[in-house]
Amino acid sequence: MNILFYLENLKSGGVQRRTMRLIGGIQKYAPSDWSFTLLVNFSEGEHFEHVPEGVHLQVLGDLKGFSLYRSLRSKAVELKPDVVVCCMGRQLLQWLLATCFVSIRSKVIVIQAVPVMLSAYGKLKNTMRSQLMRWLYPKASAVVCVSDAVLATVQKLNTPLAKKAQRIYNPVFDDSMLTLANAQPQIFDNFIGVNAVAVGRMNVQKDYGTMLRAAAKVINTLPQFRLHILGGGELLQPMQVLARELGIQDHVIFHGFVVNPYPYLKQADLFVMSSLWEGLPNSMVEALALGTKVVSTDCIAGPNEILAKGEYGQLVNTGDHQAFAQAVLTEIKQVRDLQVLAQRGRYYSVENSAKAYIKLAKELMR
């Protein structure tokens, strides 16, 4: 079987990390005669070096408009994939438009990683988004949602989607994470105090403004508190300015994109996430899998599901920096069985996810 994964770019981000793990996992557990192609449009990105060995990587070359559709059509005819995995909804739209006049029999899977309605979007944009999904997604052979909460938002759109949609959790944990986590034994330079770590691209979704305002409140009570933010992005500079305005620039370390975040997650006293929305946040699962306590906003979707309504960590309302600060102070003092946290995180394994995708691909090809 020839499996093609289509992804826009290999920049730093949860979708890209998920895709690399998923391809590697399917390679490991699939029949030996399966072949794998990764097709990307843009030629730059931090994850090019993480493409699994043995995967046929093809780069379209930063194309737009009709040039992109022509190139996609050409690749579809050339490669003749049995199954195409569109890693986001945008890639599904591009693939369907490019191949609508081509006679190929590929089964198409689209991965839905976030809820249908997003809190940062206005009513009009959310309405247009949901209407597009109602029309577009039933044209796929299967719709994979990364959490039960995301699945519920998709199933509400219409009956055809409800029949085609299913939940397969993200591939997050495997044993290689433990090796990478031990690569740097003293990541915080023997700092005496509390180290909190956040991981994620600096964008609107992650709402780092709430996190920084919460950090300022925590520091007023606990001066020996440091916040490490791992991730680059368009809001890096504005958040650096906000940290200075809040007077906490000496307590917040902006590390930018970090190739190996696992030593930070393992050695941290706390993992913190202030997102406005998620799907199934990989970094939270990673933190748990490495035995690290968690404070998160109770955004749709994912955190509540992972933390089992607060059983495995603190949950607070989105945008409430005061509640977030109090949750951080509470969780610092909270005594938890770290092995129980690790078991919870390791439930979301690469093996479980890969085997579920293999089963789905076989079913589609019957």
Protein backbone atom coordinates (compact mmCIF):
# COMPACT_ATOMS: atom_id res chain seq x y z
CA MET A 1 0.00 0.00 0.00
CA ASN A 2 1.26 3.46 -0.90
CA ILE A 3 0.46 6.08 1.75
CA LEU A 4 0.91 9.78 1.00
CA PHE A 5 0.90 12.44 3.71
CA TYR A 6 0.20 15.98 2.51
CA LEU A 7 1.28 18.86 4.74
CA GLU A 8 1.72 22.55 3.93
CA ASN A 9 5.07 23.05 5.64
CA LEU A 10 7.53 21.60 8.14
CA LYS A 11 7.83 24.63 10.40
CA SER A 12 7.80 24.32 14.17
CA GLY A 13 4.34 23.42 15.42
CA GLY A 14 2.16 20.71 16.89
CA VAL A 15 0.77 19.56 13.54
CA GLN A 16 4.25 19.03 12.16
CA ARG A 17 5.47 17.16 15.24
CA ARG A 18 2.36 14.99 15.18
CA THR A 19 2.87 14.18 11.51
CA MET A 20 6.51 13.13 11.94
CA ARG A 21 5.58 10.85 14.84
CA LEU A 22 2.59 9.41 13.01
CA ILE A 23 4.57 8.56 9.88
CA GLY A 24 7.34 7.00 11.95
CA GLY A 25 4.86 4.98 13.98
CA ILE A 26 2.95 3.68 10.97
CA GLN A 27 6.24 2.75 9.33
CA LYS A 28 7.17 0.73 12.40
CA TYR A 29 3.91 -1.19 12.78
CA ALA A 30 2.62 -1.43 9.19
CA PRO A 31 3.23 -4.39 6.85
CA SER A 32 6.70 -4.33 5.30
CA ASP A 33 5.39 -3.80 1.75
CA TRP A 34 3.79 -0.44 2.59
CA SER A 35 5.55 2.65 1.21
CA PHE A 36 5.38 6.23 2.44
CA THR A 37 5.61 9.63 0.77
CA LEU A 38 5.58 13.00 2.52
CA LEU A 39 4.51 15.84 0.24
CA VAL A 40 5.02 19.42 1.43
CA ASN A 41 4.67 22.74 -0.34
CA PHE A 42 7.09 25.09 1.39
CA SER A 43 10.81 24.38 1.31
CA GLU A 44 11.82 25.79 4.71
CA GLY A 45 11.07 24.55 8.20
CA GLU A 46 12.62 23.25 11.39
CA HIS A 47 11.21 19.73 10.98
CA PHE A 48 12.89 18.78 7.71
CA GLU A 49 15.59 17.07 9.74
CA HIS A 50 12.95 15.02 11.58
CA VAL A 51 11.42 13.35 8.52
CA PRO A 52 11.63 9.60 9.28
CA GLU A 53 14.21 7.59 7.40
CA GLY A 54 12.83 5.68 4.44
CA VAL A 55 10.09 8.23 3.70
CA HIS A 56 10.06 9.60 0.16
CA LEU A 57 10.08 13.39 0.73
CA GLN A 58 8.84 15.61 -2.10
CA VAL A 59 8.73 19.42 -1.96
CA LEU A 60 6.47 21.33 -4.35
CA GLY A 61 8.47 24.55 -3.98
CA ASP A 62 6.56 27.40 -2.31
CA LEU A 63 3.70 27.42 -4.82
CA LYS A 64 0.45 29.38 -4.75
CA GLY A 65 -2.82 29.48 -6.67
CA PHE A 66 -3.05 27.58 -9.95
CA SER A 67 0.63 26.66 -9.82
CA LEU A 68 0.00 24.77 -6.58
CA TYR A 69 -3.06 22.97 -7.98
CA ARG A 70 -1.26 22.00 -11.19
CA SER A 71 1.68 20.61 -9.24
CA LEU A 72 -0.59 18.70 -6.85
CA ARG A 73 -2.50 17.23 -9.79
CA SER A 74 0.75 16.15 -11.40
CA LYS A 75 1.93 14.48 -8.17
CA ALA A 76 -1.40 12.67 -7.76
CA VAL A 77 -1.11 11.19 -11.25
CA GLU A 78 2.58 10.36 -10.82
CA LEU A 79 2.42 8.79 -7.36
CA LYS A 80 -1.03 7.14 -7.53
CA PRO A 81 -1.34 6.85 -3.73
CA ASP A 82 -3.75 4.32 -2.30
CA VAL A 83 -4.41 6.49 0.75
CA VAL A 84 -3.84 10.22 1.12
CA VAL A 85 -3.66 11.71 4.63
CA CYS A 86 -4.41 15.43 4.56
CA CYS A 87 -2.93 16.69 7.80
CA MET A 88 -5.26 19.72 8.00
CA GLY A 89 -8.53 20.80 6.45
CA ARG A 90 -6.78 23.26 4.14
CA GLN A 91 -4.79 20.44 2.59
CA LEU A 92 -8.01 18.50 1.99
CA LEU A 93 -9.50 21.45 0.11
CA GLN A 94 -6.35 21.86 -1.98
CA TRP A 95 -6.14 18.14 -2.76
CA LEU A 96 -9.79 17.86 -3.80
CA LEU A 97 -9.63 20.95 -6.00
CA ALA A 98 -6.42 19.75 -7.61
CA THR A 99 -7.70 16.25 -8.36
CA CYS A 100 -11.38 16.88 -9.18
CA PHE A 101 -10.81 16.29 -12.92
CA VAL A 102 -8.28 13.48 -12.52
CA SER A 103 -9.25 9.82 -12.52
CA ILE A 104 -7.53 8.52 -9.39
CA ARG A 105 -9.00 6.21 -6.77
CA SER A 106 -7.16 7.34 -3.67
CA LYS A 107 -8.95 7.12 -0.34
CA VAL A 108 -8.61 10.43 1.47
CA ILE A 109 -8.32 10.90 5.23
CA VAL A 110 -8.47 14.38 6.75
CA ILE A 111 -7.28 15.06 10.29
CA GLN A 112 -9.29 17.58 12.32
CA ALA A 113 -7.04 18.83 15.09
CA VAL A 114 -9.13 21.64 16.62
CA PRO A 115 -12.82 22.30 17.38
CA VAL A 116 -15.08 23.54 14.60
CA MET A 117 -15.80 26.88 16.29
CA LEU A 118 -12.79 28.87 17.51
CA SER A 119 -13.11 31.51 20.21
CA ALA A 120 -10.68 33.93 18.51
CA TYR A 121 -12.90 34.06 15.41
CA GLY A 122 -15.99 36.22 15.05
CA LYS A 123 -19.46 34.89 14.33
CA LEU A 124 -19.20 35.41 10.57
CA LYS A 125 -15.84 33.66 10.23
CA ASN A 126 -16.97 30.73 12.38
CA THR A 127 -20.18 30.41 10.33
CA MET A 128 -18.23 30.39 7.08
CA ARG A 129 -15.77 27.88 8.53
CA SER A 130 -18.52 25.48 9.65
CA GLN A 131 -20.38 25.78 6.35
CA LEU A 132 -17.21 24.96 4.42
CA MET A 133 -16.62 21.90 6.58
CA ARG A 134 -20.24 20.73 6.07
CA TRP A 135 -19.63 20.80 2.33
CA LEU A 136 -16.00 19.70 2.20
CA TYR A 137 -15.46 17.02 4.83
CA PRO A 138 -18.11 14.53 3.60
CA LYS A 139 -16.08 14.32 0.38
CA ALA A 140 -13.25 12.69 2.33
CA SER A 141 -13.26 8.94 2.88
CA ALA A 142 -12.76 9.41 6.64
CA VAL A 143 -12.45 12.28 9.11
CA VAL A 144 -10.10 11.65 12.03
CA CYS A 145 -10.60 13.84 15.10
CA VAL A 146 -7.80 14.01 17.67
CA SER A 147 -10.03 13.97 20.76
CA ASP A 148 -13.57 13.09 21.78
CA ALA A 149 -14.35 16.77 22.32
CA VAL A 150 -13.23 17.67 18.77
CA LEU A 151 -15.19 14.69 17.44
CA ALA A 152 -18.36 15.99 19.11
CA THR A 153 -18.04 19.38 17.38
CA VAL A 154 -17.60 17.71 13.98
CA GLN A 155 -20.46 15.24 14.45
CA LYS A 156 -22.86 18.12 15.11
CA LEU A 157 -22.31 19.55 11.63
CA ASN A 158 -24.38 16.98 9.71
CA THR A 159 -25.29 13.30 9.47
CA PRO A 160 -22.85 12.36 6.68
CA LEU A 161 -19.99 13.72 8.77
CA ALA A 162 -21.20 11.96 11.90
CA LYS A 163 -20.95 8.66 10.00
CA LYS A 164 -17.47 9.32 8.58
CA ALA A 165 -15.85 10.85 11.66
CA GLN A 166 -13.98 8.92 14.33
CA ARG A 167 -11.56 9.68 17.13
CA ILE A 168 -7.91 8.65 17.01
CA TYR A 169 -5.71 10.27 19.62
CA ASN A 170 -2.51 11.99 18.58
CA PRO A 171 0.69 9.91 18.57
CA VAL A 172 2.63 11.47 21.44
CA PHE A 173 4.62 9.13 23.66
CA ASP A 174 7.25 6.58 22.74
CA ASP A 175 10.45 5.42 24.43
CA SER A 176 12.61 7.81 22.42
CA MET A 177 11.10 10.65 24.44
CA LEU A 178 12.73 9.25 27.59
CA THR A 179 16.14 9.17 25.92
CA LEU A 180 15.75 12.73 24.68
CA ALA A 181 14.55 13.88 28.10
CA ASN A 182 17.81 12.69 29.68
CA ALA A 183 20.03 14.38 27.09
CA GLN A 184 20.68 17.48 29.24
CA PRO A 185 20.81 16.64 32.95
CA GLN A 186 20.93 20.23 34.31
CA ILE A 187 18.76 22.35 32.09
CA PHE A 188 17.97 24.99 34.73
CA ASP A 189 21.54 25.55 36.02
CA ASN A 190 20.75 24.45 39.59
CA PHE A 191 18.32 27.34 40.05
CA ILE A 192 16.87 27.25 43.58
CA GLY A 193 13.21 27.98 43.13
CA VAL A 194 10.25 26.98 40.97
CA ASN A 195 10.66 26.50 37.22
CA ALA A 196 7.49 26.51 35.11
CA VAL A 197 7.63 25.62 31.42
CA ALA A 198 5.28 26.51 28.57
CA VAL A 199 5.67 25.02 25.09
CA GLY A 200 3.97 26.31 21.98
CA ARG A 201 4.10 28.76 19.13
CA MET A 202 3.75 32.42 20.11
CA ASN A 203 0.38 33.15 18.53
CA VAL A 204 -3.17 34.20 19.41
CA GLN A 205 -4.28 30.64 20.18
CA LYS A 206 -1.81 30.18 23.05
CA ASP A 207 -2.84 33.45 24.80
CA TYR A 208 0.56 34.09 26.37
CA GLY A 209 -0.70 37.47 27.57
CA THR A 210 -2.84 35.72 30.19
CA MET A 211 0.12 33.54 31.17
CA LEU A 212 2.46 36.50 31.64
CA ARG A 213 -0.10 38.41 33.70
CA ALA A 214 -0.60 35.31 35.83
CA ALA A 215 3.17 34.97 36.21
CA ALA A 216 3.36 38.54 37.50
CA LYS A 217 0.81 37.67 40.21
CA VAL A 218 2.71 34.50 41.14
CA ILE A 219 6.00 36.38 41.39
CA ASN A 220 4.45 38.86 43.84
CA THR A 221 3.83 35.92 46.18
CA LEU A 222 6.75 33.71 45.16
CA PRO A 223 9.76 35.77 43.99
CA GLN A 224 11.78 32.61 43.28
CA PHE A 225 9.59 31.73 40.30
CA ARG A 226 10.80 31.49 36.72
CA LEU A 227 8.75 30.94 33.59
CA HIS A 228 10.44 29.35 30.58
CA ILE A 229 8.62 29.77 27.26
CA LEU A 230 9.70 27.41 24.46
CA GLY A 231 8.48 28.57 21.07
CA GLY A 232 8.90 31.23 18.43
CA GLY A 233 6.29 32.98 16.36
CA GLU A 234 4.72 36.26 15.39
CA LEU A 235 3.91 37.37 18.95
CA LEU A 236 7.37 36.77 20.44
CA GLN A 237 8.39 40.42 20.40
CA PRO A 238 5.05 41.78 21.74
CA MET A 239 5.20 39.27 24.61
CA GLN A 240 8.76 40.32 25.41
CA VAL A 241 7.50 43.92 25.57
CA LEU A 242 4.62 42.87 27.84
CA ALA A 243 7.02 41.07 30.19
CA ARG A 244 9.03 44.29 30.53
CA GLU A 245 5.86 46.33 31.10
CA LEU A 246 4.84 43.92 33.87
CA GLY A 247 8.31 44.16 35.39
CA ILE A 248 8.94 40.41 35.18
CA GLN A 249 11.55 40.34 32.41
CA ASP A 250 14.12 38.86 34.81
CA HIS A 251 11.76 36.00 35.67
CA VAL A 252 10.67 35.05 32.13
CA ILE A 253 13.05 33.35 29.71
CA PHE A 254 12.01 33.30 26.05
CA HIS A 255 13.95 30.40 24.56
CA GLY A 256 12.46 30.53 21.06
CA PHE A 257 12.07 27.29 19.13
CA VAL A 258 13.80 24.42 20.95
CA VAL A 259 14.60 21.26 19.01
CA ASN A 260 14.50 19.06 22.12
CA PRO A 261 12.01 20.39 24.69
CA TYR A 262 11.93 17.18 26.75
CA PRO A 263 14.70 17.98 29.28
CA TYR A 264 12.80 21.19 30.11
CA LEU A 265 9.54 19.30 30.54
CA LYS A 266 11.11 16.56 32.66
CA GLN A 267 13.01 18.86 35.00
CA ALA A 268 10.27 21.51 35.35
CA ASP A 269 8.28 21.80 38.55
CA LEU A 270 5.23 22.67 36.51
CA PHE A 271 3.93 22.69 32.95
CA VAL A 272 1.62 25.62 32.18
CA MET A 273 -0.71 26.21 29.22
CA SER A 274 -3.03 29.20 28.74
CA SER A 275 -4.56 28.36 25.35
CA LEU A 276 -7.88 29.71 24.10
CA TRP A 277 -8.43 26.46 22.16
CA GLU A 278 -6.66 23.19 21.47
CA GLY A 279 -7.48 19.79 20.01
CA LEU A 280 -5.28 17.43 21.96
CA PRO A 281 -2.27 19.44 23.18
CA ASN A 282 0.86 17.36 22.58
CA SER A 283 3.04 19.31 24.98
CA MET A 284 0.64 18.69 27.87
CA VAL A 285 0.66 14.95 27.21
CA GLU A 286 4.47 15.05 26.96
CA ALA A 287 4.74 16.83 30.30
CA LEU A 288 2.50 14.28 31.99
CA ALA A 289 4.36 11.38 30.36
CA LEU A 290 7.57 12.72 31.90
CA GLY A 291 5.97 13.03 35.34
CA THR A 292 5.44 16.80 35.46
CA LYS A 293 2.49 18.53 37.11
CA VAL A 294 0.13 20.62 34.96
CA VAL A 295 -1.88 23.83 35.14
CA SER A 296 -4.02 24.62 32.11
CA THR A 297 -6.96 26.62 30.91
CA ASP A 298 -10.10 24.54 30.48
CA CYS A 299 -10.34 25.44 26.82
CA ILE A 300 -12.15 23.44 24.18
CA ALA A 301 -10.89 20.90 23.38
CA GLY A 302 -8.44 18.49 24.97
CA PRO A 303 -7.21 19.66 28.38
CA ASN A 304 -10.34 18.58 30.23
CA GLU A 305 -10.21 15.21 28.48
CA ILE A 306 -6.49 14.65 29.21
CA LEU A 307 -6.68 15.84 32.82
CA ALA A 308 -9.97 13.97 33.42
CA LYS A 309 -11.86 17.04 34.63
CA GLY A 310 -9.04 18.03 36.98
CA GLU A 311 -8.04 14.63 38.33
CA TYR A 312 -4.52 14.91 36.90
CA GLY A 313 -3.98 18.69 37.07
CA GLN A 314 -5.47 22.14 37.61
CA LEU A 315 -8.01 23.58 35.16
CA VAL A 316 -9.10 27.24 35.07
CA ASN A 317 -11.27 29.36 32.79
CA THR A 318 -9.66 30.84 29.69
CA GLY A 319 -8.45 34.43 29.92
CA ASP A 320 -8.60 34.56 33.75
CA HIS A 321 -5.05 35.43 34.81
CA GLN A 322 -5.93 35.74 38.49
CA ALA A 323 -7.42 32.23 38.61
CA PHE A 324 -4.47 30.95 36.62
CA ALA A 325 -2.02 32.46 39.12
CA GLN A 326 -3.89 30.93 42.05
CA ALA A 327 -3.93 27.54 40.33
CA VAL A 328 -0.15 27.74 39.82
CA LEU A 329 0.41 28.53 43.51
CA THR A 330 -1.94 25.71 44.53
CA GLU A 331 -0.37 23.15 42.20
CA ILE A 332 3.15 23.99 43.36
CA LYS A 333 2.14 22.84 46.85
CA GLN A 334 0.04 19.92 45.64
CA VAL A 335 1.47 16.48 46.38
CA ARG A 336 0.87 14.14 43.43
CA ASP A 337 2.01 10.68 42.51
CA LEU A 338 4.22 11.49 39.54
CA GLN A 339 4.12 7.90 38.33
CA VAL A 340 0.34 8.16 38.03
CA LEU A 341 0.79 11.33 35.95
CA ALA A 342 3.34 9.55 33.76
CA GLN A 343 1.00 6.61 33.17
CA ARG A 344 -1.73 9.02 32.14
CA GLY A 345 0.50 10.76 29.60
CA ARG A 346 1.88 7.52 28.18
CA TYR A 347 -1.63 6.32 27.37
CA TYR A 348 -1.46 8.63 24.33
CA SER A 349 1.20 6.55 22.62
CA VAL A 350 2.62 6.50 19.11
CA GLU A 351 1.92 2.76 18.99
CA ASN A 352 -1.79 3.09 19.80
CA SER A 353 -2.27 5.90 17.31
CA ALA A 354 -0.26 4.27 14.51
CA LYS A 355 -2.12 0.97 14.83
CA ALA A 356 -5.46 2.78 14.71
CA TYR A 357 -4.47 4.55 11.47
CA ILE A 358 -3.23 1.27 9.98
CA LYS A 359 -6.56 -0.35 10.81
CA LEU A 360 -8.44 2.57 9.23
CA ALA A 361 -6.34 2.44 6.05
CA LYS A 362 -6.97 -1.29 5.67
CA GLU A 363 -10.71 -0.80 6.16
CA LEU A 364 -10.83 1.94 3.52
CA MET A 365 -9.05 -0.26 0.98
CA ARG A 366 -11.47 -3.21 1.32
